[in-house]
Amino acid sequence: MYRHHEDKLGWGRSKASQAYKALKKLVVYCQVPPGTRLDAIVISDVLNTSVTPVREALIQLETEGYIAISLGNGYYTQKLDVKKLSDQFDFVRIVLTHAFRENLYEHSKFVMPPSWDDYYLVSKFLESFFESVAEATNNRRMEDLVHDSNIRTRYVRWLDLQRPERLSCTRGDVSELLELLHKRDKNGAIANIDRQFRAIIKTLPELVLEGNDRAGNTEESWLETLSSISAES
């Protein structure tokens, strides 16, 4: 879990790894309706591979909690869950708070994003920022957990930042945070982080409802999407 299996010799080049990455991207970006059965035989046909690596990929995804298993019925996609997402955001908040309180993070090594008006770039900046702070703790497991949290919360963060008022608010909060870190005002930085994470956690019920609705009404077949993702890799 948390990238450990990806460090195994040969994992990145294996058929199971390729199937895992394609399926994980599909699930993380909510491109499969919730409750969809993930049939290994059907998926193997789409990915032009044997069933065994697909089964290995499904087992890994279920182990990591990205999909669910129903004994005797196979693997299924899950709905976005407010409590699980809230816990992920809160964990990252705790890591950032610890790093700022202990003066572990050196802001001078970080740069501003190329555009504050692009929700995708802002989201990417936030993920890089969180992982950079986690790296400063010099704790590999902490880094892996923050990386994993970024993946699990990515889709709802996109939904959040696609709302103009939230993009504007986040832009202001992050600009203030970077200034506080530059001034080495750790108490101000911690208060800023608390405010930012409280705001997104508060909107999670709406974001989860929107995300599940979108996933349940995808126009393109998820198998066609999977095929496209596989072709890109």
C-alpha atoms as a PDB file:
ATOM      1  CA  MET A   1       0.000   0.000   0.000  1.00  0.00           C
ATOM      2  CA  TYR A   2       1.038   3.652  -0.473  1.00  0.00           C
ATOM      3  CA  ARG A   3       3.378   3.021  -3.403  1.00  0.00           C
ATOM      4  CA  HIS A   4       5.282   0.199  -1.652  1.00  0.00           C
ATOM      5  CA  HIS A   5       4.237  -2.385  -4.237  1.00  0.00           C
ATOM      6  CA  GLU A   6       5.346  -0.021  -7.015  1.00  0.00           C
ATOM      7  CA  ASP A   7       8.872  -0.175  -5.617  1.00  0.00           C
ATOM      8  CA  LYS A   8       9.061  -3.913  -6.191  1.00  0.00           C
ATOM      9  CA  LEU A   9      11.536  -4.986  -8.839  1.00  0.00           C
ATOM     10  CA  GLY A  10       9.804  -5.176 -12.196  1.00  0.00           C
ATOM     11  CA  TRP A  11       6.401  -3.949 -10.966  1.00  0.00           C
ATOM     12  CA  GLY A  12       6.384  -0.831 -13.153  1.00  0.00           C
ATOM     13  CA  ARG A  13       6.898  -2.875 -16.321  1.00  0.00           C
ATOM     14  CA  SER A  14       4.480  -5.688 -15.510  1.00  0.00           C
ATOM     15  CA  LYS A  15       1.090  -6.281 -17.101  1.00  0.00           C
ATOM     16  CA  ALA A  16      -0.463  -6.146 -13.622  1.00  0.00           C
ATOM     17  CA  SER A  17       1.057  -2.701 -13.054  1.00  0.00           C
ATOM     18  CA  GLN A  18      -0.322  -1.408 -16.352  1.00  0.00           C
ATOM     19  CA  ALA A  19      -3.792  -2.732 -15.547  1.00  0.00           C
ATOM     20  CA  TYR A  20      -3.563  -1.346 -12.007  1.00  0.00           C
ATOM     21  CA  LYS A  21      -2.628   2.152 -13.167  1.00  0.00           C
ATOM     22  CA  ALA A  22      -5.364   2.290 -15.830  1.00  0.00           C
ATOM     23  CA  LEU A  23      -8.070   1.022 -13.469  1.00  0.00           C
ATOM     24  CA  LYS A  24      -6.918   3.227 -10.607  1.00  0.00           C
ATOM     25  CA  LYS A  25      -7.086   6.328 -12.797  1.00  0.00           C
ATOM     26  CA  LEU A  26     -10.574   5.355 -13.900  1.00  0.00           C
ATOM     27  CA  VAL A  27     -11.743   4.908 -10.296  1.00  0.00           C
ATOM     28  CA  VAL A  28      -9.984   7.949  -8.812  1.00  0.00           C
ATOM     29  CA  TYR A  29     -11.495  10.258 -11.436  1.00  0.00           C
ATOM     30  CA  CYS A  30     -14.963   8.746 -10.894  1.00  0.00           C
ATOM     31  CA  GLN A  31     -15.313   7.676 -14.522  1.00  0.00           C
ATOM     32  CA  VAL A  32     -17.217   4.524 -13.562  1.00  0.00           C
ATOM     33  CA  PRO A  33     -20.762   4.618 -12.128  1.00  0.00           C
ATOM     34  CA  PRO A  34     -20.850   3.642  -8.425  1.00  0.00           C
ATOM     35  CA  GLY A  35     -21.758  -0.017  -7.889  1.00  0.00           C
ATOM     36  CA  THR A  36     -20.373  -1.131 -11.248  1.00  0.00           C
ATOM     37  CA  ARG A  37     -19.088  -4.718 -11.294  1.00  0.00           C
ATOM     38  CA  LEU A  38     -15.491  -4.866 -12.495  1.00  0.00           C
ATOM     39  CA  ASP A  39     -15.398  -8.074 -14.504  1.00  0.00           C
ATOM     40  CA  ALA A  40     -11.793  -9.265 -14.917  1.00  0.00           C
ATOM     41  CA  ILE A  41     -12.539 -11.116 -18.174  1.00  0.00           C
ATOM     42  CA  VAL A  42     -14.235  -8.114 -19.796  1.00  0.00           C
ATOM     43  CA  ILE A  43     -11.467  -5.779 -18.598  1.00  0.00           C
ATOM     44  CA  SER A  44      -8.739  -8.100 -19.880  1.00  0.00           C
ATOM     45  CA  ASP A  45     -10.345  -8.023 -23.339  1.00  0.00           C
ATOM     46  CA  VAL A  46     -10.346  -4.214 -23.303  1.00  0.00           C
ATOM     47  CA  LEU A  47      -6.730  -4.041 -22.141  1.00  0.00           C
ATOM     48  CA  ASN A  48      -5.665  -6.773 -24.558  1.00  0.00           C
ATOM     49  CA  THR A  49      -4.057  -8.846 -21.838  1.00  0.00           C
ATOM     50  CA  SER A  50      -4.735 -12.053 -19.938  1.00  0.00           C
ATOM     51  CA  VAL A  51      -7.084 -12.289 -16.972  1.00  0.00           C
ATOM     52  CA  THR A  52      -4.342 -12.962 -14.395  1.00  0.00           C
ATOM     53  CA  PRO A  53      -2.722  -9.479 -14.340  1.00  0.00           C
ATOM     54  CA  VAL A  54      -6.168  -7.852 -14.235  1.00  0.00           C
ATOM     55  CA  ARG A  55      -7.100  -9.961 -11.232  1.00  0.00           C
ATOM     56  CA  GLU A  56      -3.822  -8.999  -9.573  1.00  0.00           C
ATOM     57  CA  ALA A  57      -4.616  -5.344 -10.209  1.00  0.00           C
ATOM     58  CA  LEU A  58      -8.145  -5.686  -8.790  1.00  0.00           C
ATOM     59  CA  ILE A  59      -6.803  -7.427  -5.689  1.00  0.00           C
ATOM     60  CA  GLN A  60      -4.324  -4.586  -5.140  1.00  0.00           C
ATOM     61  CA  LEU A  61      -6.983  -1.904  -5.622  1.00  0.00           C
ATOM     62  CA  GLU A  62      -9.314  -3.659  -3.187  1.00  0.00           C
ATOM     63  CA  THR A  63      -6.482  -4.015  -0.663  1.00  0.00           C
ATOM     64  CA  GLU A  64      -5.905  -0.271  -0.876  1.00  0.00           C
ATOM     65  CA  GLY A  65      -9.606   0.467  -0.483  1.00  0.00           C
ATOM     66  CA  TYR A  66     -10.192   1.988  -3.920  1.00  0.00           C
ATOM     67  CA  ILE A  67     -12.786  -0.643  -4.808  1.00  0.00           C
ATOM     68  CA  ALA A  68     -14.923  -3.087  -2.819  1.00  0.00           C
ATOM     69  CA  ILE A  69     -15.324  -6.846  -2.962  1.00  0.00           C
ATOM     70  CA  SER A  70     -18.528  -8.830  -2.597  1.00  0.00           C
ATOM     71  CA  LEU A  71     -17.780 -12.439  -1.741  1.00  0.00           C
ATOM     72  CA  GLY A  72     -18.944 -14.646  -4.566  1.00  0.00           C
ATOM     73  CA  ASN A  73     -19.807 -11.680  -6.792  1.00  0.00           C
ATOM     74  CA  GLY A  74     -16.486 -10.021  -7.509  1.00  0.00           C
ATOM     75  CA  TYR A  75     -15.236  -6.432  -7.360  1.00  0.00           C
ATOM     76  CA  TYR A  76     -17.314  -3.250  -7.478  1.00  0.00           C
ATOM     77  CA  THR A  77     -16.753   0.497  -7.595  1.00  0.00           C
ATOM     78  CA  GLN A  78     -17.798   2.544  -4.581  1.00  0.00           C
ATOM     79  CA  LYS A  79     -19.566   5.838  -4.035  1.00  0.00           C
ATOM     80  CA  LEU A  80     -17.605   8.807  -2.802  1.00  0.00           C
ATOM     81  CA  ASP A  81     -17.901   8.892   0.987  1.00  0.00           C
ATOM     82  CA  VAL A  82     -17.989  12.113   3.033  1.00  0.00           C
ATOM     83  CA  LYS A  83     -16.464  10.600   6.183  1.00  0.00           C
ATOM     84  CA  LYS A  84     -13.593   8.893   4.365  1.00  0.00           C
ATOM     85  CA  LEU A  85     -12.747  12.047   2.427  1.00  0.00           C
ATOM     86  CA  SER A  86     -13.020  14.199   5.538  1.00  0.00           C
ATOM     87  CA  ASP A  87     -10.556  11.904   7.319  1.00  0.00           C
ATOM     88  CA  GLN A  88      -8.120  12.190   4.400  1.00  0.00           C
ATOM     89  CA  PHE A  89      -8.238  15.990   4.391  1.00  0.00           C
ATOM     90  CA  ASP A  90      -7.904  16.124   8.161  1.00  0.00           C
ATOM     91  CA  PHE A  91      -4.867  13.864   8.074  1.00  0.00           C
ATOM     92  CA  VAL A  92      -3.063  16.175   5.646  1.00  0.00           C
ATOM     93  CA  ARG A  93      -4.001  19.161   7.833  1.00  0.00           C
ATOM     94  CA  ILE A  94      -2.410  17.439  10.839  1.00  0.00           C
ATOM     95  CA  VAL A  95       0.805  16.748   8.910  1.00  0.00           C
ATOM     96  CA  LEU A  96       1.063  20.354   7.720  1.00  0.00           C
ATOM     97  CA  THR A  97       0.352  21.678  11.214  1.00  0.00           C
ATOM     98  CA  HIS A  98       3.090  19.471  12.676  1.00  0.00           C
ATOM     99  CA  ALA A  99       5.623  20.541  10.053  1.00  0.00           C
ATOM    100  CA  PHE A 100       4.887  24.251  10.520  1.00  0.00           C
ATOM    101  CA  ARG A 101       4.885  24.029  14.335  1.00  0.00           C
ATOM    102  CA  GLU A 102       8.264  22.276  14.335  1.00  0.00           C
ATOM    103  CA  ASN A 103       9.694  24.652  11.706  1.00  0.00           C
ATOM    104  CA  LEU A 104      10.442  21.731   9.401  1.00  0.00           C
ATOM    105  CA  TYR A 105       9.349  23.377   6.173  1.00  0.00           C
ATOM    106  CA  GLU A 106      11.534  25.839   4.283  1.00  0.00           C
ATOM    107  CA  HIS A 107       9.284  27.944   2.050  1.00  0.00           C
ATOM    108  CA  SER A 108      12.146  29.380  -0.008  1.00  0.00           C
ATOM    109  CA  LYS A 109      12.390  26.171  -2.072  1.00  0.00           C
ATOM    110  CA  PHE A 110       8.831  26.438  -3.350  1.00  0.00           C
ATOM    111  CA  VAL A 111       7.571  28.435  -6.347  1.00  0.00           C
ATOM    112  CA  MET A 112       4.219  29.937  -7.286  1.00  0.00           C
ATOM    113  CA  PRO A 113       1.950  28.143  -9.779  1.00  0.00           C
ATOM    114  CA  PRO A 114       1.933  29.414 -13.393  1.00  0.00           C
ATOM    115  CA  SER A 115      -1.730  30.474 -13.288  1.00  0.00           C
ATOM    116  CA  TRP A 116      -4.090  31.109 -10.379  1.00  0.00           C
ATOM    117  CA  ASP A 117      -7.086  31.039 -12.741  1.00  0.00           C
ATOM    118  CA  ASP A 118      -6.702  27.424 -13.839  1.00  0.00           C
ATOM    119  CA  TYR A 119      -8.327  25.051 -11.336  1.00  0.00           C
ATOM    120  CA  TYR A 120      -6.241  22.112 -12.568  1.00  0.00           C
ATOM    121  CA  LEU A 121      -2.940  23.940 -12.068  1.00  0.00           C
ATOM    122  CA  VAL A 122      -4.011  25.226  -8.656  1.00  0.00           C
ATOM    123  CA  SER A 123      -4.970  21.691  -7.612  1.00  0.00           C
ATOM    124  CA  LYS A 124      -1.643  20.364  -8.880  1.00  0.00           C
ATOM    125  CA  PHE A 125       0.173  23.107  -6.975  1.00  0.00           C
ATOM    126  CA  LEU A 126      -1.645  22.233  -3.741  1.00  0.00           C
ATOM    127  CA  GLU A 127      -0.784  18.548  -4.075  1.00  0.00           C
ATOM    128  CA  SER A 128       2.881  19.356  -4.728  1.00  0.00           C
ATOM    129  CA  PHE A 129       2.886  21.740  -1.785  1.00  0.00           C
ATOM    130  CA  PHE A 130       1.401  19.169   0.601  1.00  0.00           C
ATOM    131  CA  GLU A 131       3.883  16.517  -0.495  1.00  0.00           C
ATOM    132  CA  SER A 132       6.790  18.956  -0.247  1.00  0.00           C
ATOM    133  CA  VAL A 133       5.840  19.733   3.352  1.00  0.00           C
ATOM    134  CA  ALA A 134       5.470  16.020   4.123  1.00  0.00           C
ATOM    135  CA  GLU A 135       8.913  15.392   2.640  1.00  0.00           C
ATOM    136  CA  ALA A 136      10.327  17.932   5.103  1.00  0.00           C
ATOM    137  CA  THR A 137       9.305  15.651   7.989  1.00  0.00           C
ATOM    138  CA  ASN A 138      11.952  13.175   6.759  1.00  0.00           C
ATOM    139  CA  ASN A 139       9.451  10.376   7.321  1.00  0.00           C
ATOM    140  CA  ARG A 140       8.923   8.205   4.233  1.00  0.00           C
ATOM    141  CA  ARG A 141       5.704   6.684   5.529  1.00  0.00           C
ATOM    142  CA  MET A 142       4.318  10.162   6.148  1.00  0.00           C
ATOM    143  CA  GLU A 143       5.237  11.131   2.595  1.00  0.00           C
ATOM    144  CA  ASP A 144       3.505   8.044   1.204  1.00  0.00           C
ATOM    145  CA  LEU A 145       0.362   8.679   3.260  1.00  0.00           C
ATOM    146  CA  VAL A 146       0.109  12.293   2.091  1.00  0.00           C
ATOM    147  CA  HIS A 147       0.681  11.185  -1.514  1.00  0.00           C
ATOM    148  CA  ASP A 148      -2.093   8.628  -1.104  1.00  0.00           C
ATOM    149  CA  SER A 149      -4.427  11.212   0.458  1.00  0.00           C
ATOM    150  CA  ASN A 150      -3.802  13.548  -2.477  1.00  0.00           C
ATOM    151  CA  ILE A 151      -4.887  10.829  -4.901  1.00  0.00           C
ATOM    152  CA  ARG A 152      -8.010   9.941  -2.917  1.00  0.00           C
ATOM    153  CA  THR A 153      -9.144  13.559  -2.586  1.00  0.00           C
ATOM    154  CA  ARG A 154      -8.111  14.751  -6.061  1.00  0.00           C
ATOM    155  CA  TYR A 155     -11.500  14.467  -7.726  1.00  0.00           C
ATOM    156  CA  VAL A 156     -13.451  16.366  -5.064  1.00  0.00           C
ATOM    157  CA  ARG A 157     -10.704  18.985  -4.967  1.00  0.00           C
ATOM    158  CA  TRP A 158     -11.213  19.480  -8.695  1.00  0.00           C
ATOM    159  CA  LEU A 159     -14.949  19.831  -8.172  1.00  0.00           C
ATOM    160  CA  ASP A 160     -14.353  22.334  -5.388  1.00  0.00           C
ATOM    161  CA  LEU A 161     -11.955  24.488  -7.405  1.00  0.00           C
ATOM    162  CA  GLN A 162     -14.251  24.519 -10.438  1.00  0.00           C
ATOM    163  CA  ARG A 163     -16.574  26.738  -8.392  1.00  0.00           C
ATOM    164  CA  PRO A 164     -15.445  30.337  -9.066  1.00  0.00           C
ATOM    165  CA  GLU A 165     -16.030  31.513  -5.498  1.00  0.00           C
ATOM    166  CA  ARG A 166     -14.028  28.619  -4.059  1.00  0.00           C
ATOM    167  CA  LEU A 167     -11.197  29.097  -6.562  1.00  0.00           C
ATOM    168  CA  SER A 168     -11.020  32.760  -5.602  1.00  0.00           C
ATOM    169  CA  CYS A 169     -11.074  31.967  -1.880  1.00  0.00           C
ATOM    170  CA  THR A 170      -8.407  29.285  -2.226  1.00  0.00           C
ATOM    171  CA  ARG A 171      -6.227  31.610  -4.284  1.00  0.00           C
ATOM    172  CA  GLY A 172      -6.388  34.241  -1.544  1.00  0.00           C
ATOM    173  CA  ASP A 173      -5.769  31.751   1.264  1.00  0.00           C
ATOM    174  CA  VAL A 174      -2.769  30.136  -0.411  1.00  0.00           C
ATOM    175  CA  SER A 175      -1.219  33.499  -1.291  1.00  0.00           C
ATOM    176  CA  GLU A 176      -1.587  34.504   2.350  1.00  0.00           C
ATOM    177  CA  LEU A 177      -0.115  31.190   3.520  1.00  0.00           C
ATOM    178  CA  LEU A 178       2.972  31.560   1.359  1.00  0.00           C
ATOM    179  CA  GLU A 179       3.477  35.085   2.705  1.00  0.00           C
ATOM    180  CA  LEU A 180       3.116  33.866   6.298  1.00  0.00           C
ATOM    181  CA  LEU A 181       5.666  31.127   5.680  1.00  0.00           C
ATOM    182  CA  HIS A 182       8.021  33.658   4.122  1.00  0.00           C
ATOM    183  CA  LYS A 183       7.712  35.730   7.324  1.00  0.00           C
ATOM    184  CA  ARG A 184       8.190  32.570   9.416  1.00  0.00           C
ATOM    185  CA  ASP A 185       4.871  33.229  11.153  1.00  0.00           C
ATOM    186  CA  LYS A 186       4.101  29.627  12.066  1.00  0.00           C
ATOM    187  CA  ASN A 187       1.057  30.451  14.206  1.00  0.00           C
ATOM    188  CA  GLY A 188      -0.470  32.454  11.373  1.00  0.00           C
ATOM    189  CA  ALA A 189       0.345  29.656   8.910  1.00  0.00           C
ATOM    190  CA  ILE A 190      -1.304  27.039  11.151  1.00  0.00           C
ATOM    191  CA  ALA A 191      -4.428  29.203  11.529  1.00  0.00           C
ATOM    192  CA  ASN A 192      -4.531  29.642   7.747  1.00  0.00           C
ATOM    193  CA  ILE A 193      -4.301  25.887   7.160  1.00  0.00           C
ATOM    194  CA  ASP A 194      -7.062  25.227   9.688  1.00  0.00           C
ATOM    195  CA  ARG A 195      -9.313  27.708   7.884  1.00  0.00           C
ATOM    196  CA  GLN A 196      -8.608  26.231   4.457  1.00  0.00           C
ATOM    197  CA  PHE A 197      -9.295  22.648   5.477  1.00  0.00           C
ATOM    198  CA  ARG A 198     -12.393  23.520   7.495  1.00  0.00           C
ATOM    199  CA  ALA A 199     -13.781  25.226   4.394  1.00  0.00           C
ATOM    200  CA  ILE A 200     -13.408  22.259   2.057  1.00  0.00           C
ATOM    201  CA  ILE A 201     -14.526  19.741   4.678  1.00  0.00           C
ATOM    202  CA  LYS A 202     -17.661  21.846   5.194  1.00  0.00           C
ATOM    203  CA  THR A 203     -18.489  21.641   1.473  1.00  0.00           C
ATOM    204  CA  LEU A 204     -17.813  17.888   1.195  1.00  0.00           C
ATOM    205  CA  PRO A 205     -21.490  16.811   1.385  1.00  0.00           C
ATOM    206  CA  GLU A 206     -22.272  18.945  -1.678  1.00  0.00           C
ATOM    207  CA  LEU A 207     -19.132  17.862  -3.521  1.00  0.00           C
ATOM    208  CA  VAL A 208     -19.757  14.177  -2.834  1.00  0.00           C
ATOM    209  CA  LEU A 209     -23.346  14.449  -4.045  1.00  0.00           C
ATOM    210  CA  GLU A 210     -22.189  16.193  -7.230  1.00  0.00           C
ATOM    211  CA  GLY A 211     -19.368  13.697  -7.783  1.00  0.00           C
ATOM    212  CA  ASN A 212     -21.602  10.648  -7.357  1.00  0.00           C
ATOM    213  CA  ASP A 213     -24.224  12.181  -9.661  1.00  0.00           C
ATOM    214  CA  ARG A 214     -21.623  12.854 -12.341  1.00  0.00           C
ATOM    215  CA  ALA A 215     -20.184   9.351 -12.052  1.00  0.00           C
ATOM    216  CA  GLY A 216     -23.659   7.843 -12.326  1.00  0.00           C
ATOM    217  CA  ASN A 217     -24.422   9.820 -15.478  1.00  0.00           C
ATOM    218  CA  THR A 218     -21.240   9.412 -17.501  1.00  0.00           C
ATOM    219  CA  GLU A 219     -22.048   9.634 -21.201  1.00  0.00           C
ATOM    220  CA  GLU A 220     -19.126   7.538 -22.452  1.00  0.00           C
ATOM    221  CA  SER A 221     -18.925   3.850 -21.624  1.00  0.00           C
ATOM    222  CA  TRP A 222     -16.398   3.324 -18.837  1.00  0.00           C
ATOM    223  CA  LEU A 223     -14.876   0.503 -20.870  1.00  0.00           C
ATOM    224  CA  GLU A 224     -14.266   2.912 -23.746  1.00  0.00           C
ATOM    225  CA  THR A 225     -12.674   5.327 -21.273  1.00  0.00           C
ATOM    226  CA  LEU A 226     -10.514   2.518 -19.902  1.00  0.00           C
ATOM    227  CA  SER A 227      -9.391   1.659 -23.398  1.00  0.00           C
ATOM    228  CA  SER A 228      -8.427   5.305 -24.025  1.00  0.00           C
ATOM    229  CA  ILE A 229      -6.500   5.500 -20.747  1.00  0.00           C
ATOM    230  CA  SER A 230      -4.633   2.297 -21.572  1.00  0.00           C
ATOM    231  CA  ALA A 231      -3.737   3.589 -25.039  1.00  0.00           C
ATOM    232  CA  GLU A 232      -2.280   6.786 -23.535  1.00  0.00           C
ATOM    233  CA  SER A 233       0.025   4.932 -21.140  1.00  0.00           C
END
